[in-house]
Amino acid sequence: MIRESGVEAKLKLAEQVNKLLFFKNKQLEEENARLQKLAQNNMSEEKQELNIQITQNEKLLLLEIEGQNKKIEELQNTLNKKFEANSEASSYVSFLQKRINESVSYTHLRAHETGRNLVCRLLLEKKKKKKKKKK
């Protein structure tokens, strides 16, 4: 009977240890599940933070792109204006080149004569007449 009570005591002790192990195992499983939930929540918060950072970076990039597009438009407008001015100037130059090659009559020149040119011309003509008289 003593043997049986020793065996029974060992069995009871084993049962108690088994119950303790079962409860500890259950507590560990619950703790593990809780930690997994925390990790998932933490990861989703990190994902949200990353998404916020990404959207902020995208917004900054879009703003920078818009600024660059405005600069490009301004440069294109400036180039278009310069091109128009250049084409106007080149057409004016070609007009002047045509005019230079045209011959103009003496009467036409006299029609555009200024007062200074007139005095100069008259003095030259007077000088020319004096030379002819001396000869």
C-alpha atoms as a PDB file:
ATOM      1  CA  MET A   1       0.000   0.000   0.000  1.00  0.00           C
ATOM      2  CA  ILE A   2       2.870   2.316   0.712  1.00  0.00           C
ATOM      3  CA  ARG A   3       4.143   1.495  -2.689  1.00  0.00           C
ATOM      4  CA  GLU A   4       0.806   2.291  -4.167  1.00  0.00           C
ATOM      5  CA  SER A   5       0.571   5.529  -2.310  1.00  0.00           C
ATOM      6  CA  GLY A   6       4.097   6.417  -3.558  1.00  0.00           C
ATOM      7  CA  VAL A   7       3.041   5.558  -7.064  1.00  0.00           C
ATOM      8  CA  GLU A   8      -0.220   7.388  -6.566  1.00  0.00           C
ATOM      9  CA  ALA A   9       1.676  10.359  -5.219  1.00  0.00           C
ATOM     10  CA  LYS A  10       3.944  10.255  -8.249  1.00  0.00           C
ATOM     11  CA  LEU A  11       0.902   9.996 -10.513  1.00  0.00           C
ATOM     12  CA  LYS A  12      -0.762  12.906  -8.749  1.00  0.00           C
ATOM     13  CA  LEU A  13       2.446  14.872  -8.969  1.00  0.00           C
ATOM     14  CA  ALA A  14       2.735  13.985 -12.668  1.00  0.00           C
ATOM     15  CA  GLU A  15      -0.893  15.069 -13.180  1.00  0.00           C
ATOM     16  CA  GLN A  16      -0.245  18.354 -11.428  1.00  0.00           C
ATOM     17  CA  VAL A  17       2.921  18.906 -13.463  1.00  0.00           C
ATOM     18  CA  ASN A  18       0.969  17.991 -16.586  1.00  0.00           C
ATOM     19  CA  LYS A  19      -1.789  20.490 -15.665  1.00  0.00           C
ATOM     20  CA  LEU A  20       0.823  23.164 -14.959  1.00  0.00           C
ATOM     21  CA  LEU A  21       2.526  22.448 -18.272  1.00  0.00           C
ATOM     22  CA  PHE A  22      -0.837  22.592 -20.039  1.00  0.00           C
ATOM     23  CA  PHE A  23      -1.690  25.966 -18.478  1.00  0.00           C
ATOM     24  CA  LYS A  24       1.826  27.293 -19.130  1.00  0.00           C
ATOM     25  CA  ASN A  25       1.555  26.100 -22.732  1.00  0.00           C
ATOM     26  CA  LYS A  26      -1.836  27.797 -23.040  1.00  0.00           C
ATOM     27  CA  GLN A  27      -0.406  31.015 -21.547  1.00  0.00           C
ATOM     28  CA  LEU A  28       2.528  30.860 -23.958  1.00  0.00           C
ATOM     29  CA  GLU A  29       0.174  30.361 -26.924  1.00  0.00           C
ATOM     30  CA  GLU A  30      -1.926  33.349 -25.800  1.00  0.00           C
ATOM     31  CA  GLU A  31       1.206  35.455 -25.317  1.00  0.00           C
ATOM     32  CA  ASN A  32       2.466  34.354 -28.737  1.00  0.00           C
ATOM     33  CA  ALA A  33      -0.877  35.300 -30.356  1.00  0.00           C
ATOM     34  CA  ARG A  34      -0.813  38.665 -28.560  1.00  0.00           C
ATOM     35  CA  LEU A  35       2.741  39.313 -29.733  1.00  0.00           C
ATOM     36  CA  GLN A  36       1.800  38.378 -33.294  1.00  0.00           C
ATOM     37  CA  LYS A  37      -1.115  40.829 -33.184  1.00  0.00           C
ATOM     38  CA  LEU A  38       1.202  43.527 -31.852  1.00  0.00           C
ATOM     39  CA  ALA A  39       3.705  42.773 -34.579  1.00  0.00           C
ATOM     40  CA  GLN A  40       0.979  42.938 -37.241  1.00  0.00           C
ATOM     41  CA  ASN A  41      -0.337  46.205 -35.801  1.00  0.00           C
ATOM     42  CA  ASN A  42       3.181  47.582 -35.627  1.00  0.00           C
ATOM     43  CA  MET A  43       3.843  46.482 -39.199  1.00  0.00           C
ATOM     44  CA  SER A  44       0.590  48.031 -40.405  1.00  0.00           C
ATOM     45  CA  GLU A  45       1.513  51.278 -38.611  1.00  0.00           C
ATOM     46  CA  GLU A  46       4.941  51.173 -40.239  1.00  0.00           C
ATOM     47  CA  LYS A  47       3.286  50.486 -43.587  1.00  0.00           C
ATOM     48  CA  GLN A  48       0.970  53.436 -43.038  1.00  0.00           C
ATOM     49  CA  GLU A  49       3.929  55.643 -42.130  1.00  0.00           C
ATOM     50  CA  LEU A  50       5.783  54.443 -45.229  1.00  0.00           C
ATOM     51  CA  ASN A  51       2.706  55.066 -47.376  1.00  0.00           C
ATOM     52  CA  ILE A  52       2.423  58.572 -45.919  1.00  0.00           C
ATOM     53  CA  GLN A  53       6.107  59.202 -46.623  1.00  0.00           C
ATOM     54  CA  ILE A  54       5.708  57.838 -50.160  1.00  0.00           C
ATOM     55  CA  THR A  55       2.683  60.032 -50.850  1.00  0.00           C
ATOM     56  CA  GLN A  56       4.508  63.049 -49.433  1.00  0.00           C
ATOM     57  CA  ASN A  57       7.520  62.287 -51.626  1.00  0.00           C
ATOM     58  CA  GLU A  58       5.221  61.831 -54.625  1.00  0.00           C
ATOM     59  CA  LYS A  59       3.598  65.196 -53.916  1.00  0.00           C
ATOM     60  CA  LEU A  60       7.013  66.846 -53.643  1.00  0.00           C
ATOM     61  CA  LEU A  61       8.112  65.241 -56.893  1.00  0.00           C
ATOM     62  CA  LEU A  62       4.905  66.349 -58.614  1.00  0.00           C
ATOM     63  CA  LEU A  63       5.437  69.899 -57.376  1.00  0.00           C
ATOM     64  CA  GLU A  64       9.018  69.812 -58.592  1.00  0.00           C
ATOM     65  CA  ILE A  65       7.896  68.454 -61.968  1.00  0.00           C
ATOM     66  CA  GLU A  66       5.261  71.201 -62.235  1.00  0.00           C
ATOM     67  CA  GLY A  67       7.938  73.793 -61.480  1.00  0.00           C
ATOM     68  CA  GLN A  68      10.224  72.312 -64.113  1.00  0.00           C
ATOM     69  CA  ASN A  69       7.351  72.273 -66.624  1.00  0.00           C
ATOM     70  CA  LYS A  70       6.683  75.958 -65.940  1.00  0.00           C
ATOM     71  CA  LYS A  71      10.359  76.754 -66.468  1.00  0.00           C
ATOM     72  CA  ILE A  72      10.317  74.779 -69.720  1.00  0.00           C
ATOM     73  CA  GLU A  73       7.222  76.668 -70.894  1.00  0.00           C
ATOM     74  CA  GLU A  74       8.875  79.989 -70.050  1.00  0.00           C
ATOM     75  CA  LEU A  75      12.000  78.979 -71.952  1.00  0.00           C
ATOM     76  CA  GLN A  76       9.917  77.876 -74.928  1.00  0.00           C
ATOM     77  CA  ASN A  77       8.052  81.180 -74.906  1.00  0.00           C
ATOM     78  CA  THR A  78      11.331  83.083 -74.719  1.00  0.00           C
ATOM     79  CA  LEU A  79      12.768  81.031 -77.559  1.00  0.00           C
ATOM     80  CA  ASN A  80       9.631  81.563 -79.639  1.00  0.00           C
ATOM     81  CA  LYS A  81       9.832  85.323 -79.072  1.00  0.00           C
ATOM     82  CA  LYS A  82      13.515  85.360 -79.974  1.00  0.00           C
ATOM     83  CA  PHE A  83      12.824  83.253 -83.033  1.00  0.00           C
ATOM     84  CA  GLU A  84      10.045  85.625 -84.107  1.00  0.00           C
ATOM     85  CA  ALA A  85      12.295  88.630 -83.492  1.00  0.00           C
ATOM     86  CA  ASN A  86      15.118  86.913 -85.358  1.00  0.00           C
ATOM     87  CA  SER A  87      12.875  86.080 -88.292  1.00  0.00           C
ATOM     88  CA  GLU A  88      11.596  89.685 -88.366  1.00  0.00           C
ATOM     89  CA  ALA A  89      15.181  90.948 -88.230  1.00  0.00           C
ATOM     90  CA  SER A  90      16.288  88.557 -90.965  1.00  0.00           C
ATOM     91  CA  SER A  91      13.380  89.612 -93.183  1.00  0.00           C
ATOM     92  CA  TYR A  92      14.299  93.262 -92.547  1.00  0.00           C
ATOM     93  CA  VAL A  93      17.945  92.502 -93.376  1.00  0.00           C
ATOM     94  CA  SER A  94      16.940  90.815 -96.613  1.00  0.00           C
ATOM     95  CA  PHE A  95      14.732  93.829 -97.408  1.00  0.00           C
ATOM     96  CA  LEU A  96      17.706  96.154 -96.790  1.00  0.00           C
ATOM     97  CA  GLN A  97      19.998  94.010 -98.906  1.00  0.00           C
ATOM     98  CA  LYS A  98      17.551  94.264-101.778  1.00  0.00           C
ATOM     99  CA  ARG A  99      17.325  98.020-101.282  1.00  0.00           C
ATOM    100  CA  ILE A 100      21.122  98.386-101.224  1.00  0.00           C
ATOM    101  CA  ASN A 101      21.456  96.638-104.551  1.00  0.00           C
ATOM    102  CA  GLU A 102      18.853  98.885-106.181  1.00  0.00           C
ATOM    103  CA  SER A 103      20.132 101.978-107.955  1.00  0.00           C
ATOM    104  CA  VAL A 104      18.630 105.337-107.020  1.00  0.00           C
ATOM    105  CA  SER A 105      18.483 108.457-109.173  1.00  0.00           C
ATOM    106  CA  TYR A 106      20.290 111.682-108.293  1.00  0.00           C
ATOM    107  CA  THR A 107      16.946 113.449-108.047  1.00  0.00           C
ATOM    108  CA  HIS A 108      15.716 110.860-105.544  1.00  0.00           C
ATOM    109  CA  LEU A 109      18.792 111.418-103.416  1.00  0.00           C
ATOM    110  CA  ARG A 110      18.309 115.186-103.515  1.00  0.00           C
ATOM    111  CA  ALA A 111      14.706 114.731-102.376  1.00  0.00           C
ATOM    112  CA  HIS A 112      15.977 113.126 -99.140  1.00  0.00           C
ATOM    113  CA  GLU A 113      18.765 115.639 -98.627  1.00  0.00           C
ATOM    114  CA  THR A 114      19.093 117.215 -95.180  1.00  0.00           C
ATOM    115  CA  GLY A 115      20.086 120.789 -94.494  1.00  0.00           C
ATOM    116  CA  ARG A 116      23.678 119.849 -93.616  1.00  0.00           C
ATOM    117  CA  ASN A 117      24.039 117.769 -96.771  1.00  0.00           C
ATOM    118  CA  LEU A 118      22.632 120.604 -98.836  1.00  0.00           C
ATOM    119  CA  VAL A 119      25.166 123.123 -97.509  1.00  0.00           C
ATOM    120  CA  CYS A 120      27.981 120.662 -98.044  1.00  0.00           C
ATOM    121  CA  ARG A 121      26.817 119.931-101.602  1.00  0.00           C
ATOM    122  CA  LEU A 122      26.510 123.610-102.461  1.00  0.00           C
ATOM    123  CA  LEU A 123      30.004 124.332-101.126  1.00  0.00           C
ATOM    124  CA  LEU A 124      31.415 121.480-103.187  1.00  0.00           C
ATOM    125  CA  GLU A 125      29.644 122.728-106.304  1.00  0.00           C
ATOM    126  CA  LYS A 126      30.976 126.291-105.675  1.00  0.00           C
ATOM    127  CA  LYS A 127      34.494 124.916-105.289  1.00  0.00           C
ATOM    128  CA  LYS A 128      34.098 122.933-108.492  1.00  0.00           C
ATOM    129  CA  LYS A 129      32.982 126.037-110.414  1.00  0.00           C
ATOM    130  CA  LYS A 130      36.026 127.998-109.186  1.00  0.00           C
ATOM    131  CA  LYS A 131      38.328 125.269-110.430  1.00  0.00           C
ATOM    132  CA  LYS A 132      36.662 125.317-113.836  1.00  0.00           C
ATOM    133  CA  LYS A 133      37.069 129.119-114.087  1.00  0.00           C
ATOM    134  CA  LYS A 134      40.771 128.889-113.268  1.00  0.00           C
ATOM    135  CA  LYS A 135      41.326 126.448-116.103  1.00  0.00           C
END
